[in-house]
Amino acid sequence: MKLTDILKGIDYEAFCESKSCTVDSREAGSISFDSRRVDSSSVFVAQKGVHVDGHNYIGTAIEKGARCIICQDLPAEQPKGILFLKVANSDVALGVAASNFYGNPSQKLQLIGITGTNGKTTTVTLLHRMMRNMGISAGLISTIVNRVNDEEIAATHTTPDAVELNSLLAQMVEKGCEYCFMEVSSHAIVQNRIAGLHFAGAIFSNITHDHLDFHKTMANYIAAKKALFDSLGEDAFALTNIDDKNGRVMVQNCKARVKTYSLQTIADFRSKILESSIHGQQLELSCNIGSGSARKEFWTPLVGRFNAYNITAITATALLCGFDIDEVLRVASGLSAAPGRFQYLHGKGITAIVDYAHTPDALENVMDTINEVRSKSQNLIVVVGCGGDRDPLKRPIMARIGAEKSNRLILTSDNPRTENPDNILDQMEAGLTPEQRSMAVRITDRRQAIKTAVMMAREGDIILIAGKGHETYQEINGVRHHFDDREEVNKLLND
């Protein structure tokens, strides 16, 4: 591919010791930001990362054959025959270059992103399932898995890097996908991993306390989410949850067509919970469609208010995409939860629920949902921990929520990563009153904690295992060991 085509939309200054070394004379067979993956056909992009500065590896990239370097800072020594392209922001340049390299795939399908603290994975998963159940070709980019129609591709990050992202989108276009539903994390927005993409729509779910280890302040966190909506064009839609206090903030000065959804406030798409149980809920959806309006009742097996928000968001999105309301609600009624999201397991008369809830708000929502539908005779036993190398401020809050809303609390490890798990549990325990602390059990080993919960439970009781959800590993001292909450509790309940 000609280098000039890859550089479309990128402002740069070219530097080269040789006069014959020009942008017009170069071609490229790949783009890489990892010097280990560079060859003689590669354009190497030096990024200033959070932990590693790619500028320190320019020499390595040149040794491995790279003859074109995109960078923010020119190296002191510039070998002859090497073309250096200086840009204002390497992250943005990588996104635009990757998009160009793969033929701008986001412009060839309807790319719809969702951002927010909670609900992203469930929403994109349900949207993808809905489209596939209606016979529509669609892709999925999520925390759990990426999909090209029904083909699974392992996911390593909530939002992949710009090169992988455009490669995935190009595969979707090649396979005829009309839509792609994508989780957009605040990290990815700040790090410009979505630079160069064209979004047909964006959804905002909510904002609660999370990721302050990275963003430092809630103001920064909110601004990161808002940046997705600021980037939308006039041809896109912006769907925002106005029950969240930041719902309207997200779409201030947004160029896109703004639509709202809610459970409590007058909105373009509003759901009312008519009936709720441990098996699902009956909803009434009121909405404005084109020049008319509609009010329809439907059943969903998804449990809880938080899922009522999720199902409202996906039905609203499908309607904004032009699908028939009766068909949308028919398909929505058959959708089940994403893996590890309020996932039920049964045995020995006990119900276990595995959920990814790893923020205070998510944990509270899940526990409130269980408490709304359980009887007085049913005890709720909660197993919860907090991840290491992540925001420590939420640790005492989550422990306090667990103690206040359960009959028994077991504090345990999540993914301690490089932290001492006992130090994490100390910080969680600090959020408990002396009385709560005397009623809580502290078991560092997660497998033993789950086993203890099952031993405590009587017939009819409910166990909530929170924090890891779909994850099939536990990360300890930087090493990932196989561990699946669902496997552990299912084995104990059915042995």
Protein backbone atom coordinates (compact mmCIF):
# COMPACT_ATOMS: atom_id res chain seq x y z
CA MET A 1 0.00 0.00 0.00
CA LYS A 2 1.28 3.47 -0.81
CA LEU A 3 2.46 5.40 2.22
CA THR A 4 0.59 8.48 1.01
CA ASP A 5 -2.70 6.53 1.28
CA ILE A 6 -1.90 5.43 4.83
CA LEU A 7 -1.16 9.03 5.84
CA LYS A 8 -4.42 10.56 4.60
CA GLY A 9 -5.86 12.82 7.29
CA ILE A 10 -2.60 12.97 9.29
CA ASP A 11 -0.62 16.21 9.64
CA TYR A 12 3.11 15.53 9.72
CA GLU A 13 6.57 16.91 9.04
CA ALA A 14 8.88 14.64 7.03
CA PHE A 15 12.59 14.33 7.83
CA CYS A 16 15.18 12.24 5.97
CA GLU A 17 18.92 12.51 5.36
CA SER A 18 18.57 11.27 1.78
CA LYS A 19 16.85 13.34 -0.93
CA SER A 20 15.51 10.18 -2.57
CA CYS A 21 13.79 9.27 0.68
CA THR A 22 10.30 10.78 0.30
CA VAL A 23 6.75 9.95 1.35
CA ASP A 24 5.71 9.55 -2.28
CA SER A 25 8.42 6.94 -2.91
CA ARG A 26 7.50 4.63 -0.04
CA GLU A 27 5.09 1.73 0.38
CA ALA A 28 4.12 -0.21 3.50
CA GLY A 29 2.94 -3.75 4.11
CA SER A 30 2.04 -3.36 7.78
CA ILE A 31 1.69 -0.91 10.67
CA SER A 32 3.10 -1.70 14.09
CA PHE A 33 3.56 0.02 17.44
CA ASP A 34 5.42 -3.02 18.83
CA SER A 35 9.07 -3.11 17.77
CA ARG A 36 9.08 -6.90 18.25
CA ARG A 37 6.62 -7.29 15.36
CA VAL A 38 8.40 -5.03 12.89
CA ASP A 39 9.83 -6.19 9.56
CA SER A 40 11.19 -4.48 6.45
CA SER A 41 7.67 -3.64 5.20
CA SER A 42 6.50 -2.04 8.47
CA VAL A 43 5.68 1.52 9.40
CA PHE A 44 6.65 1.78 13.07
CA VAL A 45 4.61 4.15 15.24
CA ALA A 46 6.36 5.27 18.44
CA GLN A 47 3.72 5.91 21.11
CA LYS A 48 4.18 7.49 24.51
CA GLY A 49 2.42 4.87 26.61
CA VAL A 50 1.47 4.90 30.28
CA HIS A 51 4.28 2.52 31.25
CA VAL A 52 6.48 2.30 28.13
CA ASP A 53 7.64 4.98 25.69
CA GLY A 54 7.85 3.56 22.19
CA HIS A 55 10.37 6.25 21.27
CA ASN A 56 12.93 4.24 23.23
CA TYR A 57 12.48 1.38 20.73
CA ILE A 58 12.91 3.31 17.49
CA GLY A 59 16.47 1.94 17.19
CA THR A 60 15.22 -1.63 17.62
CA ALA A 61 12.54 -1.11 14.97
CA ILE A 62 15.16 0.19 12.53
CA GLU A 63 17.43 -2.77 13.27
CA LYS A 64 14.52 -5.09 12.43
CA GLY A 65 14.03 -3.41 9.06
CA ALA A 66 11.58 -0.52 9.52
CA ARG A 67 12.31 2.30 7.08
CA CYS A 68 9.50 4.66 8.09
CA ILE A 69 9.00 5.92 11.65
CA ILE A 70 6.04 7.95 12.89
CA CYS A 71 6.89 9.72 16.14
CA GLN A 72 6.21 12.75 18.33
CA ASP A 73 9.88 13.40 19.13
CA LEU A 74 12.67 13.00 16.60
CA PRO A 75 15.60 10.90 17.85
CA ALA A 76 18.97 12.58 18.26
CA GLU A 77 20.44 10.33 15.59
CA GLN A 78 18.59 9.84 12.32
CA PRO A 79 20.17 7.10 10.21
CA LYS A 80 20.39 7.64 6.46
CA GLY A 81 17.58 6.19 4.40
CA ILE A 82 15.11 6.25 7.29
CA LEU A 83 12.04 8.43 6.81
CA PHE A 84 10.86 10.11 10.02
CA LEU A 85 7.37 11.59 10.18
CA LYS A 86 6.86 13.90 13.14
CA VAL A 87 3.26 14.21 14.37
CA ALA A 88 1.56 16.05 17.22
CA ASN A 89 0.09 12.86 18.72
CA SER A 90 1.31 9.38 17.83
CA ASP A 91 -1.78 7.69 19.30
CA VAL A 92 -4.11 9.63 17.01
CA ALA A 93 -1.79 9.08 14.05
CA LEU A 94 -1.79 5.31 14.71
CA GLY A 95 -5.60 5.21 14.77
CA VAL A 96 -6.01 7.16 11.54
CA ALA A 97 -3.19 5.25 9.80
CA ALA A 98 -4.60 1.86 10.87
CA SER A 99 -8.05 2.86 9.66
CA ASN A 100 -6.63 3.93 6.29
CA PHE A 101 -4.50 0.78 6.02
CA TYR A 102 -7.54 -1.48 6.44
CA GLY A 103 -9.70 0.54 4.05
CA ASN A 104 -11.65 2.56 6.65
CA PRO A 105 -13.90 -0.38 7.61
CA SER A 106 -15.88 1.60 10.21
CA GLN A 107 -17.37 3.59 7.32
CA LYS A 108 -18.59 0.42 5.61
CA LEU A 109 -20.84 -0.82 8.41
CA GLN A 110 -22.89 0.70 11.22
CA LEU A 111 -20.48 0.94 14.18
CA ILE A 112 -22.33 1.57 17.45
CA GLY A 113 -20.34 2.12 20.63
CA ILE A 114 -21.45 2.01 24.24
CA THR A 115 -19.67 3.66 27.13
CA GLY A 116 -20.40 3.92 30.84
CA THR A 117 -19.29 2.30 34.07
CA ASN A 118 -21.76 -0.58 34.15
CA GLY A 119 -23.81 -2.40 31.53
CA LYS A 120 -21.47 -2.16 28.54
CA THR A 121 -20.86 -5.88 28.07
CA THR A 122 -24.49 -6.85 28.60
CA THR A 123 -25.74 -4.19 26.20
CA VAL A 124 -23.41 -4.98 23.30
CA THR A 125 -23.88 -8.73 23.81
CA LEU A 126 -27.67 -8.43 23.75
CA LEU A 127 -27.58 -6.14 20.70
CA HIS A 128 -25.42 -8.63 18.82
CA ARG A 129 -27.69 -11.54 19.80
CA MET A 130 -30.76 -9.55 18.79
CA MET A 131 -29.38 -8.82 15.34
CA ARG A 132 -28.28 -12.41 14.78
CA ASN A 133 -31.70 -13.67 15.90
CA MET A 134 -33.31 -11.34 13.37
CA GLY A 135 -31.07 -12.71 10.64
CA ILE A 136 -28.80 -9.65 10.44
CA SER A 137 -25.04 -10.00 9.95
CA ALA A 138 -23.27 -8.30 12.86
CA GLY A 139 -19.98 -8.12 14.73
CA LEU A 140 -19.24 -7.75 18.43
CA ILE A 141 -16.28 -6.23 20.28
CA SER A 142 -16.56 -6.82 24.02
CA THR A 143 -14.70 -7.58 27.23
CA ILE A 144 -15.70 -11.24 27.05
CA VAL A 145 -15.23 -12.09 23.38
CA ASN A 146 -15.10 -10.60 19.91
CA ARG A 147 -17.35 -12.03 17.21
CA VAL A 148 -17.58 -11.84 13.45
CA ASN A 149 -21.15 -12.99 13.03
CA ASP A 150 -21.01 -16.23 15.09
CA GLU A 151 -17.26 -16.82 14.87
CA GLU A 152 -15.49 -16.27 18.20
CA ILE A 153 -12.23 -14.34 18.45
CA ALA A 154 -10.65 -14.11 21.90
CA ALA A 155 -10.76 -10.68 23.60
CA THR A 156 -7.73 -9.37 25.50
CA HIS A 157 -8.87 -5.82 26.35
CA THR A 158 -12.20 -4.04 26.75
CA THR A 159 -11.25 -2.06 23.65
CA PRO A 160 -8.48 -3.50 21.43
CA ASP A 161 -5.56 -1.41 20.17
CA ALA A 162 -6.13 0.61 16.99
CA VAL A 163 -4.46 -1.90 14.66
CA GLU A 164 -6.32 -4.93 16.05
CA LEU A 165 -9.55 -2.94 16.13
CA ASN A 166 -9.41 -2.02 12.44
CA SER A 167 -8.32 -5.54 11.54
CA LEU A 168 -11.42 -6.90 13.31
CA LEU A 169 -13.68 -4.38 11.61
CA ALA A 170 -12.16 -5.24 8.22
CA GLN A 171 -12.90 -8.94 8.86
CA MET A 172 -16.50 -8.00 9.68
CA VAL A 173 -16.86 -6.03 6.46
CA GLU A 174 -15.38 -8.93 4.47
CA LYS A 175 -17.92 -11.31 6.04
CA GLY A 176 -20.81 -9.00 5.19
CA CYS A 177 -21.56 -7.56 8.64
CA GLU A 178 -23.99 -4.66 8.54
CA TYR A 179 -23.48 -3.70 12.19
CA CYS A 180 -20.80 -3.83 14.85
CA PHE A 181 -21.56 -3.30 18.53
CA MET A 182 -18.55 -2.25 20.56
CA GLU A 183 -17.68 -1.57 24.18
CA VAL A 184 -15.76 1.71 24.40
CA SER A 185 -13.79 2.04 27.63
CA SER A 186 -12.70 5.35 29.11
CA HIS A 187 -9.08 4.16 28.86
CA ALA A 188 -9.48 3.58 25.12
CA ILE A 189 -10.97 7.04 24.62
CA VAL A 190 -8.20 8.81 26.53
CA GLN A 191 -5.52 6.73 24.78
CA ASN A 192 -7.06 7.52 21.37
CA ARG A 193 -7.53 3.84 20.48
CA ILE A 194 -10.74 4.82 18.68
CA ALA A 195 -9.11 7.63 16.66
CA GLY A 196 -9.99 7.40 12.98
CA LEU A 197 -13.22 5.43 13.55
CA HIS A 198 -16.62 6.51 12.28
CA PHE A 199 -19.44 5.80 14.75
CA ALA A 200 -23.00 5.58 13.49
CA GLY A 201 -24.24 5.82 17.06
CA ALA A 202 -23.21 5.85 20.71
CA ILE A 203 -24.97 4.83 23.93
CA PHE A 204 -24.33 6.11 27.44
CA SER A 205 -25.34 3.80 30.30
CA ASN A 206 -24.20 5.43 33.57
CA ILE A 207 -21.22 6.70 35.52
CA THR A 208 -20.28 5.56 39.01
CA HIS A 209 -17.07 5.35 41.02
CA ASP A 210 -14.45 3.40 39.05
CA HIS A 211 -11.02 3.68 37.39
CA LEU A 212 -9.89 6.64 39.50
CA ASP A 213 -6.48 4.98 39.73
CA PHE A 214 -6.16 5.92 36.05
CA HIS A 215 -8.29 9.06 35.70
CA LYS A 216 -7.45 10.49 39.16
CA THR A 217 -10.70 12.52 39.43
CA MET A 218 -14.36 11.95 38.61
CA ALA A 219 -14.25 15.09 36.43
CA ASN A 220 -11.56 13.48 34.27
CA TYR A 221 -13.51 10.22 34.14
CA ILE A 222 -16.68 12.00 33.01
CA ALA A 223 -14.76 14.04 30.42
CA ALA A 224 -13.29 10.83 28.99
CA LYS A 225 -16.75 9.33 28.47
CA LYS A 226 -18.10 12.57 27.01
CA ALA A 227 -15.32 12.67 24.42
CA LEU A 228 -16.99 9.79 22.55
CA PHE A 229 -20.16 11.84 22.12
CA ASP A 230 -18.21 14.97 21.24
CA SER A 231 -16.66 13.05 18.33
CA LEU A 232 -19.98 12.01 16.77
CA GLY A 233 -20.99 13.51 13.44
CA GLU A 234 -24.36 14.91 12.41
CA ASP A 235 -25.27 11.63 10.72
CA ALA A 236 -24.99 9.66 13.99
CA PHE A 237 -27.34 9.18 16.95
CA ALA A 238 -26.51 9.66 20.64
CA LEU A 239 -28.67 7.63 23.06
CA THR A 240 -28.28 8.67 26.69
CA ASN A 241 -29.68 7.48 30.01
CA ILE A 242 -31.16 10.62 31.55
CA ASP A 243 -31.90 8.95 34.87
CA ASP A 244 -28.15 9.20 35.44
CA LYS A 245 -27.12 12.67 36.60
CA ASN A 246 -24.46 12.79 33.89
CA GLY A 247 -26.79 11.63 31.14
CA ARG A 248 -27.44 15.11 29.78
CA VAL A 249 -23.83 16.17 30.36
CA MET A 250 -22.73 13.51 27.87
CA VAL A 251 -24.68 15.08 25.00
CA GLN A 252 -24.07 18.76 25.68
CA ASN A 253 -22.98 20.38 22.40
CA CYS A 254 -23.26 17.00 20.68
CA LYS A 255 -23.68 17.28 16.88
CA ALA A 256 -25.46 13.94 16.64
CA ARG A 257 -29.22 13.31 16.83
CA VAL A 258 -29.82 13.07 20.59
CA LYS A 259 -32.31 10.56 22.00
CA THR A 260 -32.99 9.69 25.64
CA TYR A 261 -34.02 6.59 27.58
CA SER A 262 -35.05 6.08 31.21
CA LEU A 263 -37.08 4.23 33.79
CA GLN A 264 -38.00 7.27 35.89
CA THR A 265 -37.93 10.39 33.71
CA ILE A 266 -39.94 11.42 30.66
CA ALA A 267 -37.79 10.30 27.73
CA ASP A 268 -37.94 9.25 24.09
CA PHE A 269 -37.77 5.61 25.25
CA ARG A 270 -39.10 4.86 28.73
CA SER A 271 -39.70 1.50 30.39
CA LYS A 272 -41.90 0.84 33.40
CA ILE A 273 -41.46 -2.31 35.48
CA LEU A 274 -44.93 -3.87 35.86
CA GLU A 275 -43.90 -7.12 37.52
CA SER A 276 -40.59 -8.52 38.75
CA SER A 277 -39.41 -11.89 40.05
CA ILE A 278 -36.28 -14.00 40.24
CA HIS A 279 -37.27 -15.39 36.83
CA GLY A 280 -37.59 -12.08 34.98
CA GLN A 281 -39.78 -9.01 34.62
CA GLN A 282 -42.72 -7.61 32.69
CA LEU A 283 -41.97 -4.20 31.16
CA GLU A 284 -44.05 -1.54 29.47
CA LEU A 285 -42.11 0.41 26.83
CA SER A 286 -43.33 3.85 25.80
CA CYS A 287 -41.50 5.41 22.88
CA ASN A 288 -41.56 7.96 20.11
CA ILE A 289 -40.84 6.42 16.71
CA GLY A 290 -40.60 8.81 13.80
CA SER A 291 -43.71 10.97 13.81
CA GLY A 292 -45.71 8.56 15.97
CA SER A 293 -45.61 6.94 19.40
CA ALA A 294 -46.16 3.48 20.80
CA ARG A 295 -46.75 1.73 24.11
CA LYS A 296 -46.05 -1.98 24.31
CA GLU A 297 -45.75 -4.59 27.06
CA PHE A 298 -43.21 -7.40 26.89
CA TRP A 299 -41.49 -9.98 29.08
CA THR A 300 -37.75 -10.32 29.60
CA PRO A 301 -35.97 -13.10 31.50
CA LEU A 302 -33.36 -10.52 32.57
CA VAL A 303 -33.75 -9.70 36.26
CA GLY A 304 -33.50 -6.36 38.07
CA ARG A 305 -33.70 -2.62 37.48
CA PHE A 306 -30.20 -2.49 36.05
CA ASN A 307 -31.26 -5.01 33.40
CA ALA A 308 -34.42 -3.01 32.73
CA TYR A 309 -32.08 -0.16 31.77
CA ASN A 310 -30.03 -2.50 29.59
CA ILE A 311 -33.04 -3.92 27.77
CA THR A 312 -34.47 -0.42 27.26
CA ALA A 313 -31.16 0.69 25.74
CA ILE A 314 -31.01 -2.20 23.29
CA THR A 315 -34.64 -1.90 22.18
CA ALA A 316 -34.19 1.85 21.71
CA THR A 317 -31.03 1.26 19.67
CA ALA A 318 -32.74 -1.28 17.42
CA LEU A 319 -35.64 1.10 16.85
CA LEU A 320 -33.24 3.95 16.05
CA CYS A 321 -31.66 1.63 13.49
CA GLY A 322 -35.06 1.34 11.82
CA PHE A 323 -36.26 -2.10 12.91
CA ASP A 324 -39.93 -2.92 13.49
CA ILE A 325 -41.01 -2.55 17.14
CA ASP A 326 -43.03 -5.79 17.30
CA GLU A 327 -40.14 -7.80 15.87
CA VAL A 328 -37.65 -6.09 18.22
CA LEU A 329 -39.74 -6.84 21.32
CA ARG A 330 -40.42 -10.41 20.21
CA VAL A 331 -36.69 -11.09 19.92
CA ALA A 332 -35.85 -9.11 23.08
CA SER A 333 -38.20 -11.35 25.08
CA GLY A 334 -36.00 -14.35 24.35
CA LEU A 335 -32.61 -12.83 25.17
CA SER A 336 -30.65 -14.18 28.12
CA ALA A 337 -27.88 -12.46 30.08
CA ALA A 338 -24.26 -12.27 28.97
CA PRO A 339 -21.92 -14.89 30.52
CA GLY A 340 -21.01 -14.02 34.09
CA ARG A 341 -23.71 -11.36 34.34
CA PHE A 342 -26.33 -12.41 36.91
CA GLN A 343 -25.71 -16.00 35.82
CA TYR A 344 -27.66 -18.66 37.75
CA LEU A 345 -26.37 -22.02 38.93
CA HIS A 346 -28.48 -24.44 40.99
CA GLY A 347 -27.89 -27.50 43.15
CA LYS A 348 -28.74 -28.97 46.55
CA GLY A 349 -31.70 -26.57 46.75
CA ILE A 350 -29.31 -23.60 46.69
CA THR A 351 -29.17 -20.83 44.07
CA ALA A 352 -25.79 -19.33 43.23
CA ILE A 353 -25.50 -16.15 41.18
CA VAL A 354 -22.19 -15.26 39.54
CA ASP A 355 -21.86 -11.63 38.54
CA TYR A 356 -19.07 -9.37 37.28
CA ALA A 357 -20.04 -6.61 39.73
CA HIS A 358 -16.68 -5.03 40.59
CA THR A 359 -17.74 -1.47 41.42
CA PRO A 360 -19.75 -0.21 44.41
CA ASP A 361 -22.73 0.75 42.25
CA ALA A 362 -22.78 -2.57 40.36
CA LEU A 363 -22.56 -4.57 43.59
CA GLU A 364 -25.35 -2.54 45.16
CA ASN A 365 -27.57 -2.97 42.08
CA VAL A 366 -27.12 -6.73 42.03
CA MET A 367 -27.72 -7.09 45.76
CA ASP A 368 -30.78 -4.82 45.67
CA THR A 369 -32.19 -6.94 42.84
CA ILE A 370 -31.72 -10.15 44.82
CA ASN A 371 -33.18 -8.60 47.97
CA GLU A 372 -36.26 -7.42 46.09
CA VAL A 373 -37.18 -10.94 44.99
CA ARG A 374 -35.95 -13.22 47.80
CA SER A 375 -38.24 -14.28 50.63
CA LYS A 376 -37.59 -13.54 54.29
CA SER A 377 -36.66 -17.16 54.89
CA GLN A 378 -33.91 -17.07 52.25
CA ASN A 379 -30.47 -15.95 53.41
CA LEU A 380 -28.16 -14.04 51.07
CA ILE A 381 -24.50 -14.99 51.39
CA VAL A 382 -22.07 -12.75 49.50
CA VAL A 383 -18.53 -13.61 48.40
CA VAL A 384 -16.66 -10.52 47.18
CA GLY A 385 -13.16 -9.14 46.75
CA CYS A 386 -11.43 -6.23 45.01
CA GLY A 387 -8.78 -6.32 42.31
CA GLY A 388 -5.18 -5.37 42.98
CA ASP A 389 -3.35 -2.52 41.20
CA ARG A 390 -6.70 -0.77 40.76
CA ASP A 391 -8.59 2.05 42.47
CA PRO A 392 -8.21 1.37 46.24
CA LEU A 393 -10.84 3.94 47.25
CA LYS A 394 -13.71 1.64 46.33
CA ARG A 395 -12.50 -1.25 48.54
CA PRO A 396 -14.01 -0.17 51.90
CA ILE A 397 -17.18 0.99 50.12
CA MET A 398 -17.75 -2.39 48.50
CA ALA A 399 -17.19 -4.24 51.77
CA ARG A 400 -19.68 -1.96 53.53
CA ILE A 401 -22.31 -2.50 50.82
CA GLY A 402 -21.76 -6.26 51.06
CA ALA A 403 -22.24 -6.23 54.83
CA GLU A 404 -25.29 -3.98 54.83
CA LYS A 405 -27.24 -5.88 52.20
CA SER A 406 -26.50 -9.52 53.04
CA ASN A 407 -26.96 -11.99 55.88
CA ARG A 408 -23.38 -13.20 55.70
CA LEU A 409 -20.34 -11.62 54.06
CA ILE A 410 -17.20 -13.44 52.96
CA LEU A 411 -14.28 -11.21 51.95
CA THR A 412 -11.79 -12.85 49.61
CA SER A 413 -9.28 -12.28 46.82
CA ASP A 414 -10.32 -11.13 43.36
CA ASN A 415 -7.33 -10.65 41.04
CA PRO A 416 -4.65 -9.41 43.45
CA ARG A 417 -2.23 -8.93 40.54
CA THR A 418 1.01 -7.58 42.06
CA GLU A 419 -0.51 -6.54 45.41
CA ASN A 420 -0.50 -8.54 48.62
CA PRO A 421 -4.08 -9.91 48.83
CA ASP A 422 -4.15 -9.55 52.62
CA ASN A 423 -3.43 -5.83 52.28
CA ILE A 424 -6.42 -5.52 49.95
CA LEU A 425 -8.62 -7.32 52.48
CA ASP A 426 -7.33 -5.02 55.25
CA GLN A 427 -8.54 -2.04 53.20
CA MET A 428 -11.90 -3.69 52.59
CA GLU A 429 -12.35 -4.48 56.29
CA ALA A 430 -11.65 -0.83 57.12
CA GLY A 431 -15.09 0.00 55.68
CA LEU A 432 -16.90 -2.22 58.20
CA THR A 433 -18.24 -1.28 61.60
CA PRO A 434 -17.04 -3.40 64.54
CA GLU A 435 -20.37 -5.23 64.51
CA GLN A 436 -20.18 -5.90 60.76
CA ARG A 437 -16.59 -7.06 61.11
CA SER A 438 -17.61 -9.63 63.72
CA MET A 439 -20.22 -11.03 61.30
CA ALA A 440 -17.92 -11.12 58.26
CA VAL A 441 -15.60 -13.96 57.33
CA ARG A 442 -12.21 -13.29 55.79
CA ILE A 443 -10.78 -16.04 53.57
CA THR A 444 -7.93 -15.06 51.28
CA ASP A 445 -8.12 -18.18 49.09
CA ARG A 446 -11.03 -17.62 46.68
CA ARG A 447 -11.70 -21.33 46.09
CA GLN A 448 -11.96 -21.90 49.85
CA ALA A 449 -14.18 -18.81 50.22
CA ILE A 450 -16.66 -20.18 47.66
CA LYS A 451 -16.58 -23.58 49.36
CA THR A 452 -17.30 -21.95 52.71
CA ALA A 453 -20.28 -20.06 51.26
CA VAL A 454 -21.78 -23.32 49.97
CA MET A 455 -21.20 -24.98 53.37
CA MET A 456 -22.96 -22.05 55.11
CA ALA A 457 -25.97 -22.13 52.79
CA ARG A 458 -29.16 -23.95 53.68
CA GLU A 459 -31.77 -25.17 51.21
CA GLY A 460 -33.45 -22.16 49.59
CA ASP A 461 -30.58 -19.74 50.30
CA ILE A 462 -28.91 -17.57 47.67
CA ILE A 463 -25.15 -17.15 47.20
CA LEU A 464 -23.80 -14.17 45.27
CA ILE A 465 -20.23 -14.54 43.99
CA ALA A 466 -19.24 -11.09 42.77
CA GLY A 467 -16.33 -9.47 41.00
CA LYS A 468 -15.00 -11.84 38.35
CA GLY A 469 -18.07 -13.00 36.44
CA HIS A 470 -17.04 -14.40 33.06
CA GLU A 471 -13.30 -14.45 33.83
CA THR A 472 -11.61 -17.83 33.61
CA TYR A 473 -8.43 -16.90 35.45
CA GLN A 474 -7.10 -15.40 38.65
CA GLU A 475 -4.07 -13.14 38.33
CA ILE A 476 -1.57 -13.48 41.19
CA ASN A 477 1.88 -11.86 41.12
CA GLY A 478 1.48 -11.12 37.43
CA VAL A 479 0.68 -14.76 36.53
CA ARG A 480 -2.75 -15.89 35.37
CA HIS A 481 -3.94 -19.19 36.83
CA HIS A 482 -7.06 -20.95 35.57
CA PHE A 483 -9.96 -20.11 37.85
CA ASP A 484 -13.66 -19.84 37.01
CA ASP A 485 -16.21 -18.91 39.70
CA ARG A 486 -18.91 -20.75 37.74
CA GLU A 487 -16.92 -23.97 37.56
CA GLU A 488 -16.07 -23.82 41.26
CA VAL A 489 -19.58 -23.29 42.56
CA ASN A 490 -21.21 -25.63 40.04
CA LYS A 491 -18.86 -28.44 41.12
CA LEU A 492 -19.71 -27.85 44.78
CA LEU A 493 -23.46 -27.67 44.19
CA ASN A 494 -23.66 -30.77 42.01
CA ASP A 495 -21.05 -33.18 43.41
